[in-house]
Every structure is written in structure tokens, then in C-alpha cells.
Amino acid sequence: MVKAAERAQTKGQVVAHFSSEIVSLLKLSIPAGAQIVLSDSTIKHIEKSHPDVCHLIDEIPEIMSAPDYVGYSLKKNTVDFIRTGKMRIRIPVRPSSDCIYFVRSMFKLHKRDFERLIRSGSIFLLESNKKLL
């Protein structure tokens, strides 16, 4: 039987891992250390659908390893990694049918949407990165 880690390597580039802090904060059933994969098809999607952020594709591993905010949507079964600063970036991650966690997109998060997520309590500031904000 092929392990999820081995399958992930054949489907794209591993760009991050779920930290124990994120798993605990969001109360996820994902094991800490689970890999997050960026596929070529997602890169093409970002370049085509979100050209205003495609220059940041190479920064995905950095953004995901130290996001400012994270959130989880049960309805979409999506974990969001959010970086704030000059431009707010949102990177949604969802599992595939064979439990490989994939970056699904990367896009600019508009101020009104960011503020709505804060007000609703849908995203959480990571304590480890609090000093950066």
C-alpha cells in the first residue's frame, strides 16, 4: 500500500506542513506534520485566474510556514492561510479524495472580506506571529 506522503510527492511539490499550533488552534483532525502539496495545475490556475498575485507563487512556502492568520471552513472543508501586510493573501488548502492536502488557489483578500472574517471569528491570529503585526 502506498502511503499518503509518497502519493503527495508524485502529485506536486510539498510546500508546507500543518504545524501543531495550527492543528490545535483550529481543532483539526489533521495530524500535525501532514504535508501540503502545490500542484502544477494549481500554479496554472493562479497564473490564469489571479494574475495580480502570480508574482508571489514562489513565496507560498514562506507564507504557509508563517501565516499571520489561519481559519477553517467546515462547509468547504478548507483551511485558510492568510498573510497580511501590504497585500492580504489568502491560500486555501483542501484535501483530495485520497487525503492529500492541496493548495487550491492563492488570491488577494480584499479589506472588506478580511474584516468580515475577523468580525465573524472565522480566522484566528497565530500567537507565534502576533509580534509581527
Protein backbone atom coordinates (compact mmCIF):
# COMPACT_ATOMS: atom_id res chain seq x y z
CA MET A 1 0.00 0.00 0.00
CA VAL A 2 1.36 3.43 -0.99
CA LYS A 3 1.50 5.96 1.85
CA ALA A 4 -0.06 9.43 1.51
CA ALA A 5 3.38 11.07 1.71
CA GLU A 6 4.61 9.02 -1.25
CA ARG A 7 1.46 9.79 -3.27
CA ALA A 8 1.82 13.50 -2.48
CA GLN A 9 5.34 13.61 -3.87
CA THR A 10 4.13 12.26 -7.21
CA LYS A 11 1.30 14.80 -7.45
CA GLY A 12 3.22 18.01 -6.84
CA GLN A 13 5.71 19.84 -4.69
CA VAL A 14 5.41 19.71 -0.90
CA VAL A 15 5.38 23.37 0.14
CA ALA A 16 4.39 23.20 3.82
CA HIS A 17 3.25 21.06 6.71
CA PHE A 18 0.44 21.54 9.20
CA SER A 19 2.02 22.78 12.42
CA SER A 20 0.86 21.51 15.79
CA GLU A 21 -0.10 25.13 16.65
CA ILE A 22 -2.49 25.35 13.68
CA VAL A 23 -3.92 21.86 14.25
CA SER A 24 -4.56 22.72 17.92
CA LEU A 25 -5.90 26.24 17.32
CA LEU A 26 -8.37 25.12 14.65
CA LYS A 27 -9.16 21.80 16.38
CA LEU A 28 -8.41 19.90 13.18
CA SER A 29 -8.44 16.15 12.80
CA ILE A 30 -5.38 16.52 10.58
CA PRO A 31 -2.18 15.10 12.08
CA ALA A 32 0.48 17.70 12.88
CA GLY A 33 3.18 17.43 10.22
CA ALA A 34 0.77 16.46 7.43
CA GLN A 35 2.13 17.63 4.09
CA ILE A 36 0.60 20.35 1.95
CA VAL A 37 1.18 19.99 -1.79
CA LEU A 38 1.21 22.57 -4.58
CA SER A 39 0.41 21.04 -7.97
CA ASP A 40 1.28 22.33 -11.42
CA SER A 41 -2.43 22.65 -12.20
CA THR A 42 -2.90 24.97 -9.21
CA ILE A 43 0.03 27.12 -10.34
CA LYS A 44 -1.59 27.39 -13.79
CA HIS A 45 -4.92 28.28 -12.15
CA ILE A 46 -3.29 31.05 -10.09
CA GLU A 47 -1.47 32.44 -13.14
CA LYS A 48 -4.67 32.46 -15.21
CA SER A 49 -7.31 33.44 -12.65
CA HIS A 50 -5.34 35.59 -10.20
CA PRO A 51 -2.63 37.38 -12.20
CA ASP A 52 -2.34 40.11 -9.55
CA VAL A 53 -0.70 37.60 -7.16
CA CYS A 54 1.11 35.23 -9.53
CA HIS A 55 4.39 37.06 -8.80
CA LEU A 56 4.06 35.67 -5.24
CA ILE A 57 3.85 31.98 -6.20
CA ASP A 58 7.44 31.38 -5.11
CA GLU A 59 6.54 32.81 -1.68
CA ILE A 60 3.82 30.22 -0.99
CA PRO A 61 6.07 28.05 1.22
CA GLU A 62 7.12 31.09 3.27
CA ILE A 63 3.55 32.39 3.63
CA MET A 64 2.26 28.99 4.68
CA SER A 65 5.05 28.30 7.15
CA ALA A 66 4.43 31.60 8.95
CA PRO A 67 0.90 32.86 8.24
CA ASP A 68 -0.47 35.77 10.23
CA TYR A 69 -3.97 34.28 10.42
CA VAL A 70 -5.50 30.86 9.85
CA GLY A 71 -9.08 29.73 9.59
CA TYR A 72 -11.18 26.67 8.91
CA SER A 73 -14.43 26.38 6.99
CA LEU A 74 -16.35 23.22 7.81
CA LYS A 75 -18.75 23.86 4.93
CA LYS A 76 -15.92 23.92 2.40
CA ASN A 77 -13.57 21.64 4.41
CA THR A 78 -10.90 24.25 3.81
CA VAL A 79 -8.04 25.56 5.91
CA ASP A 80 -7.08 29.13 5.02
CA PHE A 81 -3.59 30.52 5.47
CA ILE A 82 -3.59 34.33 5.43
CA ARG A 83 -0.73 36.77 5.27
CA THR A 84 -1.39 40.42 5.98
CA GLY A 85 0.75 43.42 5.23
CA LYS A 86 1.00 45.48 2.09
CA MET A 87 -1.26 42.95 0.36
CA ARG A 88 -3.51 40.45 2.16
CA ILE A 89 -3.06 37.00 0.61
CA ARG A 90 -5.34 34.02 1.20
CA ILE A 91 -4.22 30.47 0.42
CA PRO A 92 -6.97 27.84 0.75
CA VAL A 93 -5.99 24.20 1.37
CA ARG A 94 -8.36 21.25 0.94
CA PRO A 95 -7.91 17.51 1.00
CA SER A 96 -8.31 15.39 -2.11
CA SER A 97 -10.37 12.21 -2.09
CA ASP A 98 -7.23 10.27 -1.15
CA CYS A 99 -6.47 12.60 1.82
CA ILE A 100 -3.64 14.58 0.27
CA TYR A 101 -3.86 18.24 1.28
CA PHE A 102 -3.52 20.55 -1.71
CA VAL A 103 -3.13 24.28 -2.13
CA ARG A 104 -6.24 25.06 -4.17
CA SER A 105 -5.53 28.68 -5.05
CA MET A 106 -3.94 31.91 -3.92
CA PHE A 107 -5.66 35.24 -4.18
CA LYS A 108 -5.82 38.76 -2.86
CA LEU A 109 -8.14 39.07 0.14
CA HIS A 110 -9.99 42.37 -0.04
CA LYS A 111 -10.18 44.53 3.06
CA ARG A 112 -13.96 44.16 3.49
CA ASP A 113 -13.72 40.35 3.25
CA PHE A 114 -10.82 40.27 5.71
CA GLU A 115 -12.74 42.46 8.17
CA ARG A 116 -15.82 40.23 7.81
CA LEU A 117 -13.73 37.14 8.62
CA ILE A 118 -12.31 38.90 11.70
CA ARG A 119 -15.77 40.03 12.90
CA SER A 120 -17.30 36.59 12.41
CA GLY A 121 -14.47 34.87 14.28
CA SER A 122 -13.71 32.71 11.24
CA ILE A 123 -9.98 33.40 11.29
CA PHE A 124 -7.52 33.46 14.14
CA LEU A 125 -4.33 35.38 14.70
CA LEU A 126 -1.47 33.00 15.29
CA GLU A 127 0.14 33.72 18.66
CA SER A 128 3.59 32.85 17.31
CA ASN A 129 3.27 35.61 14.71
CA LYS A 130 1.45 38.19 16.85
CA LYS A 131 4.61 40.20 17.34
CA LEU A 132 4.85 40.71 13.55
CA LEU A 133 1.58 42.61 13.28
